[in-house]
Amino acid sequence: MLMMSPLCTLKFAMESHKVQCLDQFSLHYMLPLGNIMRKHSIQFHCYADDTQLYVSMKPDGTSQLCQLETCLKDVRTWMTRNFLLLNSDKTEVIVLGPKNLRETFSSDLTVLSDISLASSTTVRNLGVLFDQDMSFSSHISQVSRTAYFHLRNISKIRNILSQNDAEKLVHAFVTSRLDYCNSLLSGCSGKSLKTLQLVQNAVACVLTRTRKWDHITPVLASLHWLPIQSRIEFKILLLTYKALNARHHLT
């Protein structure tokens, strides 16, 4: 049963007394935060309430660490003044670079400006797992596990699904995960991409009711599905074309 609370007037909101769009949220609430980071020459990226800081440094780059520490201190002060909290439990640090230098930087970054930070080997960025080697092996493993989970559930009810309904389920729960941000996988090893290719092959078998030992290439062709490597190349070419010819719309 659904229950609706009575309507009431908000006493505290944006100047227009309503949240109109994400752009206004960023403009009114997050703009001062960006100014703080620019003041310290720290590169950053904001997406709604998710803020990421980027610092590039050499092995002896103590000055950049001092900049980052001062920036975090000012950010925490700004948040405190605006009744916000810098949640250290949800703040992660990842060091990208040669393996022999990671441990040194990771230990230096665990505590900055009295803020305890968790040094991670992988971090999530808009649904994609980035690892220290930038191999995306963790992301590929997670995508494969999730895809197989949904595919097993679909296969259990495949006999009672029409072809059209089965295609909708497959695209909604499986192939969409294979295509999401797949341009980042360009340059990954053939072994890593083979993992995703096996997922796609399994999807095609379930959808077309093909036996697993049958040759899969004709099946993919009948579905008009490009192999994983070709899908990645197609995505990059499509984004490049849109960037050159339709700059106002890249989705």
C-alpha atoms as a PDB file:
ATOM      1  CA  MET A   1       0.000   0.000   0.000  1.00  0.00           C
ATOM      2  CA  LEU A   2       1.289   3.443  -0.922  1.00  0.00           C
ATOM      3  CA  MET A   3       0.789   6.419   1.373  1.00  0.00           C
ATOM      4  CA  MET A   4       1.361  10.047   0.459  1.00  0.00           C
ATOM      5  CA  SER A   5       2.387  12.618   3.023  1.00  0.00           C
ATOM      6  CA  PRO A   6       0.621  15.988   3.013  1.00  0.00           C
ATOM      7  CA  LEU A   7       2.117  18.752   0.886  1.00  0.00           C
ATOM      8  CA  CYS A   8       4.198  21.379   2.634  1.00  0.00           C
ATOM      9  CA  THR A   9       6.210  24.438   1.658  1.00  0.00           C
ATOM     10  CA  LEU A  10       9.973  24.105   1.789  1.00  0.00           C
ATOM     11  CA  LYS A  11      11.596  26.768   3.935  1.00  0.00           C
ATOM     12  CA  PHE A  12      15.067  26.149   2.597  1.00  0.00           C
ATOM     13  CA  ALA A  13      15.718  25.495  -1.069  1.00  0.00           C
ATOM     14  CA  MET A  14      17.265  27.200  -4.044  1.00  0.00           C
ATOM     15  CA  GLU A  15      16.521  30.849  -4.799  1.00  0.00           C
ATOM     16  CA  SER A  16      13.771  29.807  -7.180  1.00  0.00           C
ATOM     17  CA  HIS A  17      12.272  27.685  -4.348  1.00  0.00           C
ATOM     18  CA  LYS A  18      12.571  24.560  -6.429  1.00  0.00           C
ATOM     19  CA  VAL A  19      15.281  22.416  -7.880  1.00  0.00           C
ATOM     20  CA  GLN A  20      15.069  23.031 -11.588  1.00  0.00           C
ATOM     21  CA  CYS A  21      17.963  20.994 -12.916  1.00  0.00           C
ATOM     22  CA  LEU A  22      21.331  19.517 -12.118  1.00  0.00           C
ATOM     23  CA  ASP A  23      23.081  22.469 -13.763  1.00  0.00           C
ATOM     24  CA  GLN A  24      21.563  24.887 -11.249  1.00  0.00           C
ATOM     25  CA  PHE A  25      22.542  22.584  -8.394  1.00  0.00           C
ATOM     26  CA  SER A  26      26.128  22.660  -9.625  1.00  0.00           C
ATOM     27  CA  LEU A  27      26.010  26.414 -10.203  1.00  0.00           C
ATOM     28  CA  HIS A  28      24.619  27.437  -6.825  1.00  0.00           C
ATOM     29  CA  TYR A  29      26.116  24.824  -4.544  1.00  0.00           C
ATOM     30  CA  MET A  30      29.231  23.363  -6.157  1.00  0.00           C
ATOM     31  CA  LEU A  31      30.730  26.440  -7.834  1.00  0.00           C
ATOM     32  CA  PRO A  32      32.502  27.663  -4.662  1.00  0.00           C
ATOM     33  CA  LEU A  33      34.018  24.213  -4.232  1.00  0.00           C
ATOM     34  CA  GLY A  34      35.476  24.377  -7.724  1.00  0.00           C
ATOM     35  CA  ASN A  35      36.935  27.801  -7.027  1.00  0.00           C
ATOM     36  CA  ILE A  36      38.792  26.399  -4.019  1.00  0.00           C
ATOM     37  CA  MET A  37      40.407  23.697  -6.134  1.00  0.00           C
ATOM     38  CA  ARG A  38      41.335  26.135  -8.885  1.00  0.00           C
ATOM     39  CA  LYS A  39      43.010  28.357  -6.320  1.00  0.00           C
ATOM     40  CA  HIS A  40      45.335  25.487  -5.412  1.00  0.00           C
ATOM     41  CA  SER A  41      45.900  24.489  -9.069  1.00  0.00           C
ATOM     42  CA  ILE A  42      44.303  21.088  -8.470  1.00  0.00           C
ATOM     43  CA  GLN A  43      42.600  19.442 -11.425  1.00  0.00           C
ATOM     44  CA  PHE A  44      39.128  18.171 -10.597  1.00  0.00           C
ATOM     45  CA  HIS A  45      35.934  16.727 -11.978  1.00  0.00           C
ATOM     46  CA  CYS A  46      32.480  17.074 -10.410  1.00  0.00           C
ATOM     47  CA  TYR A  47      29.455  14.943 -11.166  1.00  0.00           C
ATOM     48  CA  ALA A  48      26.490  15.838  -8.938  1.00  0.00           C
ATOM     49  CA  ASP A  49      27.804  15.269  -5.396  1.00  0.00           C
ATOM     50  CA  ASP A  50      30.774  13.161  -6.541  1.00  0.00           C
ATOM     51  CA  THR A  51      34.031  15.135  -6.677  1.00  0.00           C
ATOM     52  CA  GLN A  52      37.333  13.785  -7.974  1.00  0.00           C
ATOM     53  CA  LEU A  53      40.756  15.399  -7.590  1.00  0.00           C
ATOM     54  CA  TYR A  54      43.694  14.683  -9.891  1.00  0.00           C
ATOM     55  CA  VAL A  55      47.342  15.362  -9.084  1.00  0.00           C
ATOM     56  CA  SER A  56      50.293  14.540 -11.324  1.00  0.00           C
ATOM     57  CA  MET A  57      53.699  14.431  -9.678  1.00  0.00           C
ATOM     58  CA  LYS A  58      57.229  13.118  -9.917  1.00  0.00           C
ATOM     59  CA  PRO A  59      58.676  10.667  -7.357  1.00  0.00           C
ATOM     60  CA  ASP A  60      60.067  13.568  -5.321  1.00  0.00           C
ATOM     61  CA  GLY A  61      57.015  15.772  -5.822  1.00  0.00           C
ATOM     62  CA  THR A  62      56.420  16.828  -2.215  1.00  0.00           C
ATOM     63  CA  SER A  63      55.155  20.245  -3.294  1.00  0.00           C
ATOM     64  CA  GLN A  64      52.157  18.684  -5.051  1.00  0.00           C
ATOM     65  CA  LEU A  65      51.321  16.719  -1.911  1.00  0.00           C
ATOM     66  CA  CYS A  66      51.429  19.937   0.095  1.00  0.00           C
ATOM     67  CA  GLN A  67      49.097  21.565  -2.441  1.00  0.00           C
ATOM     68  CA  LEU A  68      46.692  18.663  -2.180  1.00  0.00           C
ATOM     69  CA  GLU A  69      46.799  18.724   1.613  1.00  0.00           C
ATOM     70  CA  THR A  70      46.108  22.466   1.742  1.00  0.00           C
ATOM     71  CA  CYS A  71      43.297  22.062  -0.781  1.00  0.00           C
ATOM     72  CA  LEU A  72      41.637  19.319   1.273  1.00  0.00           C
ATOM     73  CA  LYS A  73      41.919  21.454   4.376  1.00  0.00           C
ATOM     74  CA  ASP A  74      40.167  24.360   2.644  1.00  0.00           C
ATOM     75  CA  VAL A  75      37.517  22.033   1.213  1.00  0.00           C
ATOM     76  CA  ARG A  76      36.774  20.644   4.654  1.00  0.00           C
ATOM     77  CA  THR A  77      36.543  24.169   6.080  1.00  0.00           C
ATOM     78  CA  TRP A  78      34.141  25.219   3.326  1.00  0.00           C
ATOM     79  CA  MET A  79      31.993  22.136   3.905  1.00  0.00           C
ATOM     80  CA  THR A  80      31.881  22.740   7.645  1.00  0.00           C
ATOM     81  CA  ARG A  81      30.739  26.323   7.120  1.00  0.00           C
ATOM     82  CA  ASN A  82      27.998  25.094   4.799  1.00  0.00           C
ATOM     83  CA  PHE A  83      26.843  22.312   7.157  1.00  0.00           C
ATOM     84  CA  LEU A  84      28.350  19.576   4.996  1.00  0.00           C
ATOM     85  CA  LEU A  85      30.654  16.709   5.887  1.00  0.00           C
ATOM     86  CA  LEU A  86      33.755  15.450   4.148  1.00  0.00           C
ATOM     87  CA  ASN A  87      33.160  11.745   4.662  1.00  0.00           C
ATOM     88  CA  SER A  88      36.581  10.117   4.903  1.00  0.00           C
ATOM     89  CA  ASP A  89      34.985   6.648   4.964  1.00  0.00           C
ATOM     90  CA  LYS A  90      33.799   7.192   1.396  1.00  0.00           C
ATOM     91  CA  THR A  91      36.922   9.002   0.216  1.00  0.00           C
ATOM     92  CA  GLU A  92      39.330   6.808  -1.726  1.00  0.00           C
ATOM     93  CA  VAL A  93      42.818   7.315  -3.122  1.00  0.00           C
ATOM     94  CA  ILE A  94      44.379   5.460  -6.018  1.00  0.00           C
ATOM     95  CA  VAL A  95      47.955   5.841  -7.223  1.00  0.00           C
ATOM     96  CA  LEU A  96      48.605   5.261 -10.916  1.00  0.00           C
ATOM     97  CA  GLY A  97      52.174   4.706 -11.998  1.00  0.00           C
ATOM     98  CA  PRO A  98      55.102   2.278 -11.870  1.00  0.00           C
ATOM     99  CA  LYS A  99      54.612  -0.520  -9.387  1.00  0.00           C
ATOM    100  CA  ASN A 100      57.786   0.269  -7.428  1.00  0.00           C
ATOM    101  CA  LEU A 101      56.533   3.786  -6.635  1.00  0.00           C
ATOM    102  CA  ARG A 102      52.943   3.009  -5.680  1.00  0.00           C
ATOM    103  CA  GLU A 103      53.576   1.877  -2.123  1.00  0.00           C
ATOM    104  CA  THR A 104      55.608   5.005  -1.365  1.00  0.00           C
ATOM    105  CA  PHE A 105      52.925   7.367  -2.600  1.00  0.00           C
ATOM    106  CA  SER A 106      50.107   5.289  -1.103  1.00  0.00           C
ATOM    107  CA  SER A 107      51.628   5.559   2.374  1.00  0.00           C
ATOM    108  CA  ASP A 108      52.075   9.319   1.974  1.00  0.00           C
ATOM    109  CA  LEU A 109      48.452   9.746   0.896  1.00  0.00           C
ATOM    110  CA  THR A 110      46.766   7.709   3.630  1.00  0.00           C
ATOM    111  CA  VAL A 111      46.570  10.767   5.915  1.00  0.00           C
ATOM    112  CA  LEU A 112      46.317  14.276   4.493  1.00  0.00           C
ATOM    113  CA  SER A 113      45.374  17.287   6.576  1.00  0.00           C
ATOM    114  CA  ASP A 114      44.320  14.978   9.445  1.00  0.00           C
ATOM    115  CA  ILE A 115      41.889  13.256   7.071  1.00  0.00           C
ATOM    116  CA  SER A 116      42.214   9.476   6.952  1.00  0.00           C
ATOM    117  CA  LEU A 117      42.007   8.205   3.390  1.00  0.00           C
ATOM    118  CA  ALA A 118      41.661   4.644   2.153  1.00  0.00           C
ATOM    119  CA  SER A 119      44.320   3.693  -0.376  1.00  0.00           C
ATOM    120  CA  SER A 120      42.654   1.432  -2.939  1.00  0.00           C
ATOM    121  CA  THR A 121      43.869  -0.737  -5.770  1.00  0.00           C
ATOM    122  CA  THR A 122      40.611  -0.085  -7.643  1.00  0.00           C
ATOM    123  CA  VAL A 123      38.179   2.832  -7.607  1.00  0.00           C
ATOM    124  CA  ARG A 124      34.779   3.236  -9.233  1.00  0.00           C
ATOM    125  CA  ASN A 125      34.231   6.078 -11.667  1.00  0.00           C
ATOM    126  CA  LEU A 126      30.656   6.349 -12.960  1.00  0.00           C
ATOM    127  CA  GLY A 127      30.234   2.587 -12.891  1.00  0.00           C
ATOM    128  CA  VAL A 128      33.663   1.701 -14.298  1.00  0.00           C
ATOM    129  CA  LEU A 129      36.369   0.154 -12.112  1.00  0.00           C
ATOM    130  CA  PHE A 130      39.795   1.710 -12.613  1.00  0.00           C
ATOM    131  CA  ASP A 131      42.790  -0.284 -11.390  1.00  0.00           C
ATOM    132  CA  GLN A 132      46.358   0.852 -10.765  1.00  0.00           C
ATOM    133  CA  ASP A 133      47.647  -0.817 -13.933  1.00  0.00           C
ATOM    134  CA  MET A 134      44.828   0.676 -16.030  1.00  0.00           C
ATOM    135  CA  SER A 135      44.281  -2.822 -17.398  1.00  0.00           C
ATOM    136  CA  PHE A 136      40.563  -2.761 -16.486  1.00  0.00           C
ATOM    137  CA  SER A 137      40.868  -6.409 -15.450  1.00  0.00           C
ATOM    138  CA  SER A 138      38.755  -5.819 -12.334  1.00  0.00           C
ATOM    139  CA  HIS A 139      36.088  -4.054 -14.388  1.00  0.00           C
ATOM    140  CA  ILE A 140      35.992  -6.845 -16.959  1.00  0.00           C
ATOM    141  CA  SER A 141      35.698  -9.477 -14.227  1.00  0.00           C
ATOM    142  CA  GLN A 142      32.834  -7.627 -12.572  1.00  0.00           C
ATOM    143  CA  VAL A 143      30.996  -7.110 -15.857  1.00  0.00           C
ATOM    144  CA  SER A 144      31.374 -10.805 -16.675  1.00  0.00           C
ATOM    145  CA  ARG A 145      30.080 -11.957 -13.286  1.00  0.00           C
ATOM    146  CA  THR A 146      27.078  -9.651 -13.440  1.00  0.00           C
ATOM    147  CA  ALA A 147      26.308 -10.577 -17.045  1.00  0.00           C
ATOM    148  CA  TYR A 148      26.430 -14.326 -16.345  1.00  0.00           C
ATOM    149  CA  PHE A 149      24.184 -13.859 -13.310  1.00  0.00           C
ATOM    150  CA  HIS A 150      21.470 -12.197 -15.376  1.00  0.00           C
ATOM    151  CA  LEU A 151      21.993 -14.575 -18.289  1.00  0.00           C
ATOM    152  CA  ARG A 152      21.416 -17.613 -16.061  1.00  0.00           C
ATOM    153  CA  ASN A 153      18.149 -16.116 -14.861  1.00  0.00           C
ATOM    154  CA  ILE A 154      17.050 -15.394 -18.422  1.00  0.00           C
ATOM    155  CA  SER A 155      17.983 -18.894 -19.587  1.00  0.00           C
ATOM    156  CA  LYS A 156      15.728 -20.417 -16.915  1.00  0.00           C
ATOM    157  CA  ILE A 157      12.664 -18.785 -18.457  1.00  0.00           C
ATOM    158  CA  ARG A 158      13.816 -18.745 -22.088  1.00  0.00           C
ATOM    159  CA  ASN A 159      11.322 -21.455 -23.103  1.00  0.00           C
ATOM    160  CA  ILE A 160       8.355 -19.298 -22.144  1.00  0.00           C
ATOM    161  CA  LEU A 161       9.681 -16.113 -23.738  1.00  0.00           C
ATOM    162  CA  SER A 162       9.036 -14.976 -27.263  1.00  0.00           C
ATOM    163  CA  GLN A 163      12.025 -14.004 -29.388  1.00  0.00           C
ATOM    164  CA  ASN A 164      11.153 -10.331 -29.058  1.00  0.00           C
ATOM    165  CA  ASP A 165      10.817 -10.482 -25.269  1.00  0.00           C
ATOM    166  CA  ALA A 166      14.038 -12.466 -24.939  1.00  0.00           C
ATOM    167  CA  GLU A 167      15.899  -9.855 -26.987  1.00  0.00           C
ATOM    168  CA  LYS A 168      14.584  -7.078 -24.767  1.00  0.00           C
ATOM    169  CA  LEU A 169      15.746  -8.843 -21.609  1.00  0.00           C
ATOM    170  CA  VAL A 170      19.143  -9.679 -23.069  1.00  0.00           C
ATOM    171  CA  HIS A 171      19.779  -6.125 -24.225  1.00  0.00           C
ATOM    172  CA  ALA A 172      18.519  -4.612 -20.974  1.00  0.00           C
ATOM    173  CA  PHE A 173      20.485  -6.796 -18.573  1.00  0.00           C
ATOM    174  CA  VAL A 174      23.485  -8.178 -20.469  1.00  0.00           C
ATOM    175  CA  THR A 175      24.628  -6.614 -23.739  1.00  0.00           C
ATOM    176  CA  SER A 176      24.117  -3.101 -22.400  1.00  0.00           C
ATOM    177  CA  ARG A 177      26.748  -3.914 -19.770  1.00  0.00           C
ATOM    178  CA  LEU A 178      29.145  -5.136 -22.439  1.00  0.00           C
ATOM    179  CA  ASP A 179      28.757  -1.881 -24.365  1.00  0.00           C
ATOM    180  CA  TYR A 180      28.835   0.553 -21.443  1.00  0.00           C
ATOM    181  CA  CYS A 181      32.025   2.660 -21.674  1.00  0.00           C
ATOM    182  CA  ASN A 182      33.598  -0.077 -23.788  1.00  0.00           C
ATOM    183  CA  SER A 183      35.741   2.480 -25.630  1.00  0.00           C
ATOM    184  CA  LEU A 184      37.923   2.521 -22.502  1.00  0.00           C
ATOM    185  CA  LEU A 185      38.851  -1.088 -23.235  1.00  0.00           C
ATOM    186  CA  SER A 186      40.674  -0.179 -26.431  1.00  0.00           C
ATOM    187  CA  GLY A 187      44.207  -1.517 -26.152  1.00  0.00           C
ATOM    188  CA  CYS A 188      43.370  -4.136 -23.536  1.00  0.00           C
ATOM    189  CA  SER A 189      44.947  -7.539 -23.928  1.00  0.00           C
ATOM    190  CA  GLY A 190      43.318 -10.156 -26.096  1.00  0.00           C
ATOM    191  CA  LYS A 191      42.979 -12.387 -23.046  1.00  0.00           C
ATOM    192  CA  SER A 192      40.880  -9.773 -21.254  1.00  0.00           C
ATOM    193  CA  LEU A 193      38.650  -9.137 -24.256  1.00  0.00           C
ATOM    194  CA  LYS A 194      38.212 -12.881 -24.764  1.00  0.00           C
ATOM    195  CA  THR A 195      36.475 -12.986 -21.383  1.00  0.00           C
ATOM    196  CA  LEU A 196      33.844 -10.566 -22.655  1.00  0.00           C
ATOM    197  CA  GLN A 197      33.657 -12.367 -25.990  1.00  0.00           C
ATOM    198  CA  LEU A 198      32.755 -15.592 -24.194  1.00  0.00           C
ATOM    199  CA  VAL A 199      29.953 -13.713 -22.454  1.00  0.00           C
ATOM    200  CA  GLN A 200      28.629 -12.447 -25.774  1.00  0.00           C
ATOM    201  CA  ASN A 201      28.843 -15.948 -27.256  1.00  0.00           C
ATOM    202  CA  ALA A 202      26.841 -17.339 -24.341  1.00  0.00           C
ATOM    203  CA  VAL A 203      24.228 -14.616 -24.781  1.00  0.00           C
ATOM    204  CA  ALA A 204      23.870 -15.439 -28.471  1.00  0.00           C
ATOM    205  CA  CYS A 205      23.450 -19.140 -27.689  1.00  0.00           C
ATOM    206  CA  VAL A 206      20.718 -18.486 -25.132  1.00  0.00           C
ATOM    207  CA  LEU A 207      18.903 -16.045 -27.385  1.00  0.00           C
ATOM    208  CA  THR A 208      18.960 -18.247 -30.494  1.00  0.00           C
ATOM    209  CA  ARG A 209      18.834 -21.572 -28.602  1.00  0.00           C
ATOM    210  CA  THR A 210      22.063 -22.619 -30.249  1.00  0.00           C
ATOM    211  CA  ARG A 211      24.050 -25.524 -28.826  1.00  0.00           C
ATOM    212  CA  LYS A 212      27.231 -24.379 -27.102  1.00  0.00           C
ATOM    213  CA  TRP A 213      29.487 -26.527 -29.298  1.00  0.00           C
ATOM    214  CA  ASP A 214      28.100 -25.088 -32.566  1.00  0.00           C
ATOM    215  CA  HIS A 215      30.152 -22.520 -34.475  1.00  0.00           C
ATOM    216  CA  ILE A 216      29.276 -19.098 -33.060  1.00  0.00           C
ATOM    217  CA  THR A 217      30.351 -16.766 -35.899  1.00  0.00           C
ATOM    218  CA  PRO A 218      27.294 -17.444 -38.112  1.00  0.00           C
ATOM    219  CA  VAL A 219      25.062 -16.982 -35.067  1.00  0.00           C
ATOM    220  CA  LEU A 220      26.536 -13.551 -34.306  1.00  0.00           C
ATOM    221  CA  ALA A 221      26.180 -12.622 -37.970  1.00  0.00           C
ATOM    222  CA  SER A 222      22.518 -13.651 -37.994  1.00  0.00           C
ATOM    223  CA  LEU A 223      21.918 -11.361 -35.017  1.00  0.00           C
ATOM    224  CA  HIS A 224      23.892  -8.543 -36.681  1.00  0.00           C
ATOM    225  CA  TRP A 225      26.170  -8.413 -33.640  1.00  0.00           C
ATOM    226  CA  LEU A 226      29.737  -7.254 -34.000  1.00  0.00           C
ATOM    227  CA  PRO A 227      32.356  -9.148 -31.953  1.00  0.00           C
ATOM    228  CA  ILE A 228      33.629  -7.426 -28.802  1.00  0.00           C
ATOM    229  CA  GLN A 229      36.796  -6.032 -30.399  1.00  0.00           C
ATOM    230  CA  SER A 230      34.835  -4.643 -33.339  1.00  0.00           C
ATOM    231  CA  ARG A 231      32.209  -3.139 -31.017  1.00  0.00           C
ATOM    232  CA  ILE A 232      34.949  -1.233 -29.211  1.00  0.00           C
ATOM    233  CA  GLU A 233      36.383   0.066 -32.477  1.00  0.00           C
ATOM    234  CA  PHE A 234      32.908   0.995 -33.707  1.00  0.00           C
ATOM    235  CA  LYS A 235      32.201   2.971 -30.518  1.00  0.00           C
ATOM    236  CA  ILE A 236      35.440   4.951 -30.867  1.00  0.00           C
ATOM    237  CA  LEU A 237      34.807   5.684 -34.538  1.00  0.00           C
ATOM    238  CA  LEU A 238      31.221   6.728 -33.785  1.00  0.00           C
ATOM    239  CA  LEU A 239      32.290   9.103 -31.004  1.00  0.00           C
ATOM    240  CA  THR A 240      34.995  10.545 -33.240  1.00  0.00           C
ATOM    241  CA  TYR A 241      32.530  11.107 -36.069  1.00  0.00           C
ATOM    242  CA  LYS A 242      30.052  12.824 -33.767  1.00  0.00           C
ATOM    243  CA  ALA A 243      32.790  14.982 -32.255  1.00  0.00           C
ATOM    244  CA  LEU A 244      33.774  16.181 -35.726  1.00  0.00           C
ATOM    245  CA  ASN A 245      30.329  16.501 -37.286  1.00  0.00           C
ATOM    246  CA  ALA A 246      27.768  16.868 -34.479  1.00  0.00           C
ATOM    247  CA  ARG A 247      29.555  18.659 -31.676  1.00  0.00           C
ATOM    248  CA  HIS A 248      26.351  19.657 -29.950  1.00  0.00           C
ATOM    249  CA  HIS A 249      25.329  16.053 -29.341  1.00  0.00           C
ATOM    250  CA  LEU A 250      27.776  13.262 -28.449  1.00  0.00           C
ATOM    251  CA  THR A 251      25.450  10.741 -26.802  1.00  0.00           C
END
